[in-house]
Amino acid sequence: MSGLDAARPFLAVQIAVLTVSDSRTSSDDRSGDLLAGRVTAANHVLQARALVPDEADRIEAQLREWIADPKVDAIIATGGTGITGRDVTPEAFQRVVEKDIPGFGELFRMLSFSKIGTSTMQSRALAGVAGGTYLFALPGSPGACRDGWDDILVHQLDNRFRPCNLVELMPRLNEHRR
């Protein structure tokens, strides 16, 4: 049975939100705004926020900066996960990810299928771990960000969620470095 164990104290996760877009600005970044709002509404800490163009080097540089920051536990990126020529977020993620979390992309596409049908096959949503930091890449639409947060991340980034969650694994993410 899954759900919240109210007897456990809540632990806030420090989260950075990265918008990847050639067309959005900070004044019209609806997906980044949605994620930032969801993060704070869940009582997590919005540690950082940035917007970069659809350029693998720029995405990678921002990811590496936040991975090196001990104040960032998780990074949620929105945008650039499609299959057009400018969609390079997964490629940038693969440059830094040390361990893939394939279940995230699989689960995201399964949940999306019930809403958008076979169009979900165009999403390359993914997740992984790098330097003890969780990395999640969601599509750029507000609907996809809402679904990714509301159906997956809000639960997995809550240490009270049972039977298991990603937060309780955080202290062990760098065991291979010891």
N, C-alpha and C. Protein backbone atom coordinates (compact mmCIF):
# COMPACT_ATOMS: atom_id res chain seq x y z
N MET A 1 0.85 -1.18 0.00
CA MET A 1 0.00 0.00 0.00
C MET A 1 0.89 1.24 0.00
N SER A 2 0.59 2.18 -0.85
CA SER A 2 1.41 3.39 -0.91
C SER A 2 0.64 4.57 -0.33
N GLY A 3 1.40 5.53 0.15
CA GLY A 3 0.82 6.73 0.72
C GLY A 3 1.78 7.38 1.69
N LEU A 4 1.32 8.45 2.32
CA LEU A 4 2.16 9.19 3.26
C LEU A 4 2.07 8.59 4.65
N ASP A 5 3.20 8.49 5.30
CA ASP A 5 3.26 8.09 6.70
C ASP A 5 3.34 9.36 7.52
N ALA A 6 2.20 9.82 8.02
CA ALA A 6 2.12 11.09 8.74
C ALA A 6 2.93 11.09 10.03
N ALA A 7 3.32 9.93 10.52
CA ALA A 7 4.11 9.86 11.75
C ALA A 7 5.56 10.28 11.53
N ARG A 8 6.00 10.27 10.29
CA ARG A 8 7.38 10.66 9.98
C ARG A 8 7.47 12.17 9.81
N PRO A 9 8.53 12.80 10.30
CA PRO A 9 8.70 14.24 10.08
C PRO A 9 9.11 14.52 8.63
N PHE A 10 8.59 15.59 8.07
CA PHE A 10 8.90 15.99 6.70
C PHE A 10 10.32 16.53 6.61
N LEU A 11 11.03 16.18 5.55
CA LEU A 11 12.36 16.72 5.27
C LEU A 11 12.30 17.49 3.96
N ALA A 12 12.60 18.77 4.01
CA ALA A 12 12.58 19.60 2.80
C ALA A 12 13.78 19.27 1.92
N VAL A 13 13.53 19.15 0.63
CA VAL A 13 14.58 18.91 -0.36
C VAL A 13 14.90 20.26 -1.01
N GLN A 14 16.18 20.49 -1.26
CA GLN A 14 16.62 21.73 -1.92
C GLN A 14 16.68 21.48 -3.42
N ILE A 15 15.83 22.19 -4.15
CA ILE A 15 15.60 21.90 -5.56
C ILE A 15 15.94 23.10 -6.44
N ALA A 16 16.59 22.82 -7.57
CA ALA A 16 16.86 23.84 -8.59
C ALA A 16 15.99 23.52 -9.81
N VAL A 17 15.43 24.56 -10.41
CA VAL A 17 14.58 24.40 -11.59
C VAL A 17 15.29 25.04 -12.79
N LEU A 18 15.45 24.26 -13.84
CA LEU A 18 16.12 24.71 -15.05
C LEU A 18 15.16 24.66 -16.23
N THR A 19 14.93 25.79 -16.85
CA THR A 19 14.12 25.84 -18.08
C THR A 19 15.06 25.87 -19.27
N VAL A 20 14.83 24.97 -20.21
CA VAL A 20 15.62 24.91 -21.44
C VAL A 20 14.71 25.34 -22.58
N SER A 21 15.03 26.49 -23.17
CA SER A 21 14.17 27.01 -24.24
C SER A 21 14.88 28.08 -25.05
N ASP A 22 14.62 28.07 -26.35
CA ASP A 22 15.09 29.14 -27.22
C ASP A 22 14.06 30.26 -27.31
N SER A 23 12.84 29.99 -26.89
CA SER A 23 11.76 30.97 -27.10
C SER A 23 11.21 31.59 -25.82
N ARG A 24 11.44 31.00 -24.69
CA ARG A 24 10.90 31.54 -23.43
C ARG A 24 11.88 32.52 -22.79
N THR A 25 11.30 33.42 -21.99
CA THR A 25 12.08 34.34 -21.17
C THR A 25 11.59 34.19 -19.74
N SER A 26 12.25 34.83 -18.81
CA SER A 26 11.82 34.72 -17.42
C SER A 26 10.41 35.28 -17.21
N SER A 27 9.96 36.15 -18.11
CA SER A 27 8.62 36.73 -17.94
C SER A 27 7.51 35.86 -18.51
N ASP A 28 7.82 34.87 -19.34
CA ASP A 28 6.76 34.02 -19.89
C ASP A 28 7.08 32.53 -19.77
N ASP A 29 7.85 32.17 -18.77
CA ASP A 29 8.27 30.78 -18.53
C ASP A 29 7.20 30.07 -17.70
N ARG A 30 6.11 29.67 -18.34
CA ARG A 30 5.00 29.06 -17.62
C ARG A 30 5.37 27.72 -16.98
N SER A 31 6.15 26.92 -17.66
CA SER A 31 6.52 25.61 -17.11
C SER A 31 7.47 25.75 -15.92
N GLY A 32 8.46 26.62 -16.05
CA GLY A 32 9.36 26.88 -14.92
C GLY A 32 8.61 27.47 -13.74
N ASP A 33 7.68 28.39 -14.02
CA ASP A 33 6.87 28.97 -12.95
C ASP A 33 6.03 27.90 -12.26
N LEU A 34 5.44 27.01 -13.06
CA LEU A 34 4.62 25.95 -12.48
C LEU A 34 5.45 25.07 -11.56
N LEU A 35 6.62 24.64 -12.03
CA LEU A 35 7.47 23.78 -11.20
C LEU A 35 7.94 24.50 -9.94
N ALA A 36 8.37 25.75 -10.08
CA ALA A 36 8.82 26.52 -8.91
C ALA A 36 7.69 26.65 -7.90
N GLY A 37 6.49 26.90 -8.38
CA GLY A 37 5.34 27.00 -7.49
C GLY A 37 5.02 25.70 -6.80
N ARG A 38 5.11 24.60 -7.54
CA ARG A 38 4.83 23.29 -6.95
C ARG A 38 5.89 22.94 -5.89
N VAL A 39 7.14 23.26 -6.18
CA VAL A 39 8.23 22.98 -5.23
C VAL A 39 7.97 23.68 -3.91
N THR A 40 7.67 24.97 -3.96
CA THR A 40 7.46 25.73 -2.72
C THR A 40 6.15 25.35 -2.05
N ALA A 41 5.12 25.04 -2.82
CA ALA A 41 3.84 24.63 -2.23
C ALA A 41 3.98 23.32 -1.47
N ALA A 42 4.93 22.48 -1.88
CA ALA A 42 5.19 21.21 -1.20
C ALA A 42 6.14 21.38 -0.01
N ASN A 43 6.49 22.63 0.29
CA ASN A 43 7.37 22.98 1.42
C ASN A 43 8.83 22.57 1.21
N HIS A 44 9.21 22.40 -0.05
CA HIS A 44 10.61 22.21 -0.36
C HIS A 44 11.24 23.59 -0.54
N VAL A 45 12.56 23.63 -0.71
CA VAL A 45 13.28 24.89 -0.90
C VAL A 45 13.62 25.05 -2.37
N LEU A 46 13.17 26.15 -2.98
CA LEU A 46 13.58 26.48 -4.35
C LEU A 46 14.94 27.14 -4.22
N GLN A 47 15.98 26.34 -4.37
CA GLN A 47 17.35 26.80 -4.12
C GLN A 47 17.89 27.67 -5.24
N ALA A 48 17.48 27.36 -6.48
CA ALA A 48 17.99 28.11 -7.62
C ALA A 48 17.05 27.93 -8.80
N ARG A 49 17.17 28.86 -9.73
CA ARG A 49 16.36 28.79 -10.94
C ARG A 49 17.13 29.45 -12.07
N ALA A 50 17.07 28.86 -13.26
CA ALA A 50 17.77 29.42 -14.42
C ALA A 50 17.02 29.06 -15.70
N LEU A 51 17.31 29.83 -16.73
CA LEU A 51 16.78 29.58 -18.07
C LEU A 51 17.96 29.62 -19.04
N VAL A 52 18.12 28.55 -19.80
CA VAL A 52 19.22 28.48 -20.77
C VAL A 52 18.66 28.09 -22.14
N PRO A 53 19.36 28.44 -23.22
CA PRO A 53 18.89 28.05 -24.55
C PRO A 53 19.10 26.56 -24.80
N ASP A 54 18.47 26.08 -25.86
CA ASP A 54 18.60 24.67 -26.26
C ASP A 54 19.99 24.42 -26.85
N GLU A 55 20.99 24.47 -26.00
CA GLU A 55 22.37 24.23 -26.39
C GLU A 55 22.99 23.29 -25.36
N ALA A 56 23.44 22.14 -25.82
CA ALA A 56 23.93 21.11 -24.91
C ALA A 56 25.03 21.62 -23.98
N ASP A 57 25.96 22.42 -24.48
CA ASP A 57 27.05 22.92 -23.64
C ASP A 57 26.53 23.82 -22.52
N ARG A 58 25.55 24.65 -22.82
CA ARG A 58 24.98 25.55 -21.81
C ARG A 58 24.19 24.77 -20.76
N ILE A 59 23.44 23.77 -21.22
CA ILE A 59 22.68 22.92 -20.29
C ILE A 59 23.65 22.18 -19.38
N GLU A 60 24.66 21.57 -19.98
CA GLU A 60 25.65 20.82 -19.21
C GLU A 60 26.34 21.72 -18.18
N ALA A 61 26.73 22.91 -18.57
CA ALA A 61 27.41 23.82 -17.65
C ALA A 61 26.53 24.15 -16.45
N GLN A 62 25.25 24.41 -16.69
CA GLN A 62 24.35 24.73 -15.58
C GLN A 62 24.15 23.52 -14.68
N LEU A 63 23.99 22.35 -15.28
CA LEU A 63 23.85 21.13 -14.47
C LEU A 63 25.09 20.93 -13.60
N ARG A 64 26.27 21.05 -14.18
CA ARG A 64 27.51 20.83 -13.42
C ARG A 64 27.65 21.84 -12.28
N GLU A 65 27.26 23.08 -12.53
CA GLU A 65 27.33 24.10 -11.47
C GLU A 65 26.45 23.69 -10.29
N TRP A 66 25.25 23.26 -10.57
CA TRP A 66 24.34 22.89 -9.48
C TRP A 66 24.71 21.56 -8.84
N ILE A 67 25.22 20.61 -9.63
CA ILE A 67 25.66 19.33 -9.06
C ILE A 67 26.78 19.58 -8.06
N ALA A 68 27.65 20.53 -8.33
CA ALA A 68 28.77 20.85 -7.44
C ALA A 68 28.34 21.63 -6.21
N ASP A 69 27.14 22.15 -6.21
CA ASP A 69 26.64 22.97 -5.10
C ASP A 69 26.02 22.08 -4.03
N PRO A 70 26.60 22.02 -2.84
CA PRO A 70 26.05 21.16 -1.79
C PRO A 70 24.66 21.58 -1.33
N LYS A 71 24.22 22.77 -1.73
CA LYS A 71 22.88 23.23 -1.35
C LYS A 71 21.80 22.76 -2.32
N VAL A 72 22.17 22.02 -3.37
CA VAL A 72 21.19 21.51 -4.33
C VAL A 72 21.13 19.99 -4.23
N ASP A 73 19.95 19.49 -3.86
CA ASP A 73 19.73 18.04 -3.75
C ASP A 73 19.16 17.44 -5.03
N ALA A 74 18.39 18.25 -5.76
CA ALA A 74 17.72 17.76 -6.97
C ALA A 74 17.58 18.89 -7.97
N ILE A 75 17.65 18.52 -9.24
CA ILE A 75 17.47 19.47 -10.34
C ILE A 75 16.31 18.96 -11.19
N ILE A 76 15.37 19.85 -11.46
CA ILE A 76 14.27 19.51 -12.36
C ILE A 76 14.38 20.43 -13.57
N ALA A 77 14.60 19.83 -14.73
CA ALA A 77 14.68 20.60 -15.97
C ALA A 77 13.38 20.43 -16.74
N THR A 78 12.99 21.48 -17.44
CA THR A 78 11.82 21.42 -18.31
C THR A 78 12.22 21.94 -19.69
N GLY A 79 11.87 21.16 -20.70
CA GLY A 79 12.13 21.57 -22.07
C GLY A 79 13.27 20.81 -22.72
N GLY A 80 13.22 20.74 -24.04
CA GLY A 80 14.30 20.13 -24.81
C GLY A 80 14.33 18.63 -24.81
N THR A 81 13.21 17.97 -24.42
CA THR A 81 13.21 16.50 -24.36
C THR A 81 12.54 15.85 -25.55
N GLY A 82 12.16 16.64 -26.54
CA GLY A 82 11.50 16.08 -27.73
C GLY A 82 12.51 15.47 -28.68
N ILE A 83 12.12 15.38 -29.95
CA ILE A 83 12.97 14.70 -30.93
C ILE A 83 13.39 15.59 -32.09
N THR A 84 13.16 16.90 -31.97
CA THR A 84 13.61 17.79 -33.04
C THR A 84 15.10 18.04 -32.91
N GLY A 85 15.66 18.67 -33.90
CA GLY A 85 17.10 18.93 -33.92
C GLY A 85 17.60 19.76 -32.76
N ARG A 86 16.79 20.69 -32.25
CA ARG A 86 17.22 21.56 -31.15
C ARG A 86 16.96 20.94 -29.78
N ASP A 87 16.28 19.81 -29.71
CA ASP A 87 15.98 19.16 -28.43
C ASP A 87 17.19 18.34 -27.99
N VAL A 88 18.00 18.92 -27.10
CA VAL A 88 19.27 18.28 -26.71
C VAL A 88 19.41 18.09 -25.20
N THR A 89 18.33 18.27 -24.45
CA THR A 89 18.43 18.10 -23.00
C THR A 89 18.89 16.69 -22.62
N PRO A 90 18.31 15.62 -23.19
CA PRO A 90 18.80 14.29 -22.81
C PRO A 90 20.28 14.07 -23.11
N GLU A 91 20.75 14.62 -24.21
CA GLU A 91 22.17 14.47 -24.54
C GLU A 91 23.04 15.20 -23.52
N ALA A 92 22.62 16.38 -23.10
CA ALA A 92 23.37 17.12 -22.07
C ALA A 92 23.33 16.37 -20.74
N PHE A 93 22.18 15.80 -20.40
CA PHE A 93 22.07 15.02 -19.17
C PHE A 93 23.03 13.83 -19.20
N GLN A 94 23.09 13.15 -20.34
CA GLN A 94 23.94 11.96 -20.43
C GLN A 94 25.42 12.29 -20.25
N ARG A 95 25.81 13.51 -20.51
CA ARG A 95 27.20 13.92 -20.28
C ARG A 95 27.55 13.96 -18.80
N VAL A 96 26.57 14.15 -17.94
CA VAL A 96 26.85 14.30 -16.51
C VAL A 96 26.31 13.16 -15.65
N VAL A 97 25.29 12.46 -16.11
CA VAL A 97 24.65 11.42 -15.30
C VAL A 97 25.62 10.26 -15.06
N GLU A 98 25.72 9.86 -13.80
CA GLU A 98 26.56 8.72 -13.42
C GLU A 98 25.74 7.44 -13.34
N LYS A 99 24.47 7.59 -13.00
CA LYS A 99 23.58 6.44 -12.88
C LYS A 99 22.21 6.84 -13.36
N ASP A 100 21.68 6.10 -14.34
CA ASP A 100 20.34 6.37 -14.86
C ASP A 100 19.27 5.87 -13.90
N ILE A 101 18.13 6.53 -13.93
CA ILE A 101 16.93 6.06 -13.24
C ILE A 101 15.88 5.82 -14.33
N PRO A 102 15.98 4.70 -15.06
CA PRO A 102 15.10 4.49 -16.20
C PRO A 102 13.62 4.44 -15.84
N GLY A 103 13.30 4.03 -14.64
CA GLY A 103 11.90 3.94 -14.23
C GLY A 103 11.18 5.27 -14.28
N PHE A 104 11.89 6.39 -14.12
CA PHE A 104 11.24 7.69 -14.17
C PHE A 104 10.66 7.96 -15.55
N GLY A 105 11.47 7.84 -16.58
CA GLY A 105 10.99 8.08 -17.94
C GLY A 105 9.91 7.09 -18.34
N GLU A 106 10.09 5.83 -17.95
CA GLU A 106 9.09 4.81 -18.26
C GLU A 106 7.76 5.14 -17.60
N LEU A 107 7.81 5.50 -16.32
CA LEU A 107 6.59 5.84 -15.59
C LEU A 107 5.95 7.11 -16.15
N PHE A 108 6.77 8.11 -16.46
CA PHE A 108 6.23 9.35 -17.02
C PHE A 108 5.48 9.07 -18.32
N ARG A 109 6.07 8.28 -19.21
CA ARG A 109 5.42 7.99 -20.48
C ARG A 109 4.17 7.13 -20.29
N MET A 110 4.20 6.21 -19.33
CA MET A 110 3.02 5.41 -19.06
C MET A 110 1.86 6.29 -18.59
N LEU A 111 2.15 7.20 -17.65
CA LEU A 111 1.11 8.10 -17.15
C LEU A 111 0.64 9.05 -18.25
N SER A 112 1.56 9.52 -19.07
CA SER A 112 1.21 10.44 -20.17
C SER A 112 0.34 9.76 -21.21
N PHE A 113 0.54 8.47 -21.42
CA PHE A 113 -0.24 7.75 -22.42
C PHE A 113 -1.73 7.84 -22.13
N SER A 114 -2.10 7.81 -20.86
CA SER A 114 -3.53 7.89 -20.51
C SER A 114 -4.11 9.26 -20.84
N LYS A 115 -3.26 10.26 -21.04
CA LYS A 115 -3.74 11.63 -21.32
C LYS A 115 -3.55 12.03 -22.77
N ILE A 116 -2.43 11.64 -23.38
CA ILE A 116 -2.16 12.09 -24.75
C ILE A 116 -1.96 10.94 -25.73
N GLY A 117 -2.22 9.73 -25.29
CA GLY A 117 -2.13 8.58 -26.18
C GLY A 117 -0.72 8.35 -26.70
N THR A 118 -0.65 7.89 -27.94
CA THR A 118 0.64 7.50 -28.49
C THR A 118 1.58 8.68 -28.72
N SER A 119 1.09 9.90 -28.61
CA SER A 119 1.98 11.07 -28.73
C SER A 119 3.08 11.05 -27.68
N THR A 120 2.86 10.30 -26.60
CA THR A 120 3.85 10.24 -25.53
C THR A 120 5.17 9.63 -25.99
N MET A 121 5.14 8.89 -27.09
CA MET A 121 6.39 8.27 -27.58
C MET A 121 7.41 9.31 -28.01
N GLN A 122 6.98 10.57 -28.22
CA GLN A 122 7.91 11.62 -28.63
C GLN A 122 8.67 12.22 -27.45
N SER A 123 8.30 11.84 -26.24
CA SER A 123 8.97 12.37 -25.05
C SER A 123 10.19 11.54 -24.70
N ARG A 124 11.28 12.23 -24.41
CA ARG A 124 12.49 11.57 -23.93
C ARG A 124 12.76 11.98 -22.48
N ALA A 125 11.69 12.11 -21.70
CA ALA A 125 11.84 12.43 -20.28
C ALA A 125 12.77 11.39 -19.65
N LEU A 126 13.62 11.85 -18.73
CA LEU A 126 14.57 10.94 -18.12
C LEU A 126 14.99 11.45 -16.75
N ALA A 127 15.69 10.58 -16.03
CA ALA A 127 16.22 10.95 -14.72
C ALA A 127 17.51 10.19 -14.47
N GLY A 128 18.29 10.73 -13.55
CA GLY A 128 19.53 10.09 -13.18
C GLY A 128 20.11 10.71 -11.93
N VAL A 129 21.29 10.26 -11.59
CA VAL A 129 22.01 10.76 -10.41
C VAL A 129 23.41 11.16 -10.86
N ALA A 130 23.88 12.29 -10.35
CA ALA A 130 25.25 12.74 -10.61
C ALA A 130 25.76 13.47 -9.38
N GLY A 131 26.89 13.05 -8.87
CA GLY A 131 27.49 13.74 -7.73
C GLY A 131 26.58 13.81 -6.52
N GLY A 132 25.74 12.81 -6.33
CA GLY A 132 24.82 12.80 -5.19
C GLY A 132 23.60 13.67 -5.39
N THR A 133 23.39 14.17 -6.60
CA THR A 133 22.25 15.03 -6.91
C THR A 133 21.32 14.30 -7.87
N TYR A 134 20.03 14.37 -7.60
CA TYR A 134 19.04 13.82 -8.52
C TYR A 134 18.82 14.80 -9.67
N LEU A 135 18.69 14.27 -10.88
CA LEU A 135 18.40 15.08 -12.06
C LEU A 135 17.17 14.51 -12.76
N PHE A 136 16.22 15.38 -13.05
CA PHE A 136 15.00 14.99 -13.75
C PHE A 136 14.80 15.91 -14.94
N ALA A 137 14.45 15.35 -16.09
CA ALA A 137 14.17 16.15 -17.29
C ALA A 137 12.75 15.86 -17.74
N LEU A 138 11.96 16.91 -17.78
CA LEU A 138 10.56 16.84 -18.20
C LEU A 138 10.37 17.61 -19.50
N PRO A 139 9.33 17.28 -20.26
CA PRO A 139 9.02 18.09 -21.45
C PRO A 139 8.72 19.53 -21.06
N GLY A 140 8.68 20.39 -22.07
CA GLY A 140 8.51 21.82 -21.83
C GLY A 140 7.09 22.32 -21.66
N SER A 141 6.10 21.48 -21.85
CA SER A 141 4.72 21.96 -21.72
C SER A 141 4.31 22.02 -20.25
N PRO A 142 3.51 23.02 -19.89
CA PRO A 142 3.02 23.09 -18.50
C PRO A 142 2.27 21.83 -18.08
N GLY A 143 1.50 21.24 -19.00
CA GLY A 143 0.77 20.02 -18.67
C GLY A 143 1.70 18.87 -18.31
N ALA A 144 2.77 18.72 -19.07
CA ALA A 144 3.73 17.65 -18.79
C ALA A 144 4.44 17.90 -17.46
N CYS A 145 4.76 19.16 -17.18
CA CYS A 145 5.40 19.48 -15.90
C CYS A 145 4.45 19.23 -14.73
N ARG A 146 3.20 19.60 -14.91
CA ARG A 146 2.20 19.36 -13.87
C ARG A 146 2.08 17.85 -13.61
N ASP A 147 1.97 17.07 -14.68
CA ASP A 147 1.84 15.62 -14.52
C ASP A 147 3.09 15.02 -13.89
N GLY A 148 4.27 15.44 -14.35
CA GLY A 148 5.51 14.91 -13.79
C GLY A 148 5.65 15.20 -12.31
N TRP A 149 5.26 16.40 -11.91
CA TRP A 149 5.33 16.75 -10.49
C TRP A 149 4.22 16.07 -9.70
N ASP A 150 2.99 16.28 -10.13
CA ASP A 150 1.84 15.82 -9.34
C ASP A 150 1.74 14.30 -9.26
N ASP A 151 2.15 13.61 -10.31
CA ASP A 151 1.98 12.16 -10.35
C ASP A 151 3.22 11.37 -9.93
N ILE A 152 4.38 12.01 -9.94
CA ILE A 152 5.61 11.27 -9.62
C ILE A 152 6.46 11.99 -8.57
N LEU A 153 6.95 13.17 -8.92
CA LEU A 153 7.97 13.82 -8.10
C LEU A 153 7.47 14.25 -6.73
N VAL A 154 6.25 14.74 -6.62
CA VAL A 154 5.77 15.16 -5.30
C VAL A 154 5.81 13.99 -4.31
N HIS A 155 5.62 12.79 -4.80
CA HIS A 155 5.65 11.61 -3.93
C HIS A 155 7.08 11.15 -3.68
N GLN A 156 7.86 11.03 -4.73
CA GLN A 156 9.21 10.49 -4.59
C GLN A 156 10.17 11.45 -3.90
N LEU A 157 9.85 12.74 -3.88
CA LEU A 157 10.69 13.70 -3.17
C LEU A 157 10.13 14.04 -1.80
N ASP A 158 9.29 13.16 -1.28
CA ASP A 158 8.73 13.31 0.07
C ASP A 158 9.17 12.09 0.89
N ASN A 159 9.98 12.32 1.89
CA ASN A 159 10.52 11.22 2.69
C ASN A 159 9.46 10.44 3.45
N ARG A 160 8.26 10.97 3.53
CA ARG A 160 7.18 10.27 4.23
C ARG A 160 6.45 9.28 3.34
N PHE A 161 6.71 9.32 2.03
CA PHE A 161 5.99 8.46 1.09
C PHE A 161 6.43 7.01 1.25
N ARG A 162 5.49 6.12 1.32
CA ARG A 162 5.71 4.69 1.49
C ARG A 162 5.14 3.94 0.29
N PRO A 163 5.74 2.84 -0.09
CA PRO A 163 6.70 2.06 0.68
C PRO A 163 8.14 2.55 0.57
N CYS A 164 8.46 3.38 -0.41
CA CYS A 164 9.82 3.91 -0.49
C CYS A 164 9.81 5.21 -1.28
N ASN A 165 10.91 5.95 -1.18
CA ASN A 165 11.02 7.25 -1.85
C ASN A 165 12.50 7.52 -2.13
N LEU A 166 12.74 8.53 -2.94
CA LEU A 166 14.12 8.87 -3.30
C LEU A 166 14.86 9.62 -2.20
N VAL A 167 14.14 10.31 -1.35
CA VAL A 167 14.78 11.13 -0.31
C VAL A 167 15.57 10.27 0.66
N GLU A 168 15.01 9.14 1.06
CA GLU A 168 15.71 8.31 2.03
C GLU A 168 16.97 7.66 1.45
N LEU A 169 17.12 7.70 0.14
CA LEU A 169 18.34 7.17 -0.48
C LEU A 169 19.44 8.22 -0.61
N MET A 170 19.10 9.49 -0.44
CA MET A 170 20.07 10.57 -0.66
C MET A 170 21.38 10.40 0.11
N PRO A 171 21.36 9.99 1.38
CA PRO A 171 22.64 9.85 2.09
C PRO A 171 23.55 8.78 1.50
N ARG A 172 22.99 7.89 0.68
CA ARG A 172 23.77 6.77 0.15
C ARG A 172 24.15 6.95 -1.32
N LEU A 173 23.81 8.06 -1.94
CA LEU A 173 24.05 8.23 -3.37
C LEU A 173 25.52 8.28 -3.75
N ASN A 174 26.37 8.64 -2.81
CA ASN A 174 27.81 8.74 -3.10
C ASN A 174 28.63 7.62 -2.46
N GLU A 175 27.98 6.52 -2.10
CA GLU A 175 28.72 5.42 -1.46
C GLU A 175 29.88 4.91 -2.32
N HIS A 176 29.72 4.94 -3.62
CA HIS A 176 30.77 4.44 -4.51
C HIS A 176 32.02 5.31 -4.50
N ARG A 177 31.93 6.50 -3.93
CA ARG A 177 33.08 7.42 -3.88
C ARG A 177 33.94 7.22 -2.63
N ARG A 178 33.48 6.43 -1.70
CA ARG A 178 34.20 6.25 -0.44
C ARG A 178 35.37 5.32 -0.57
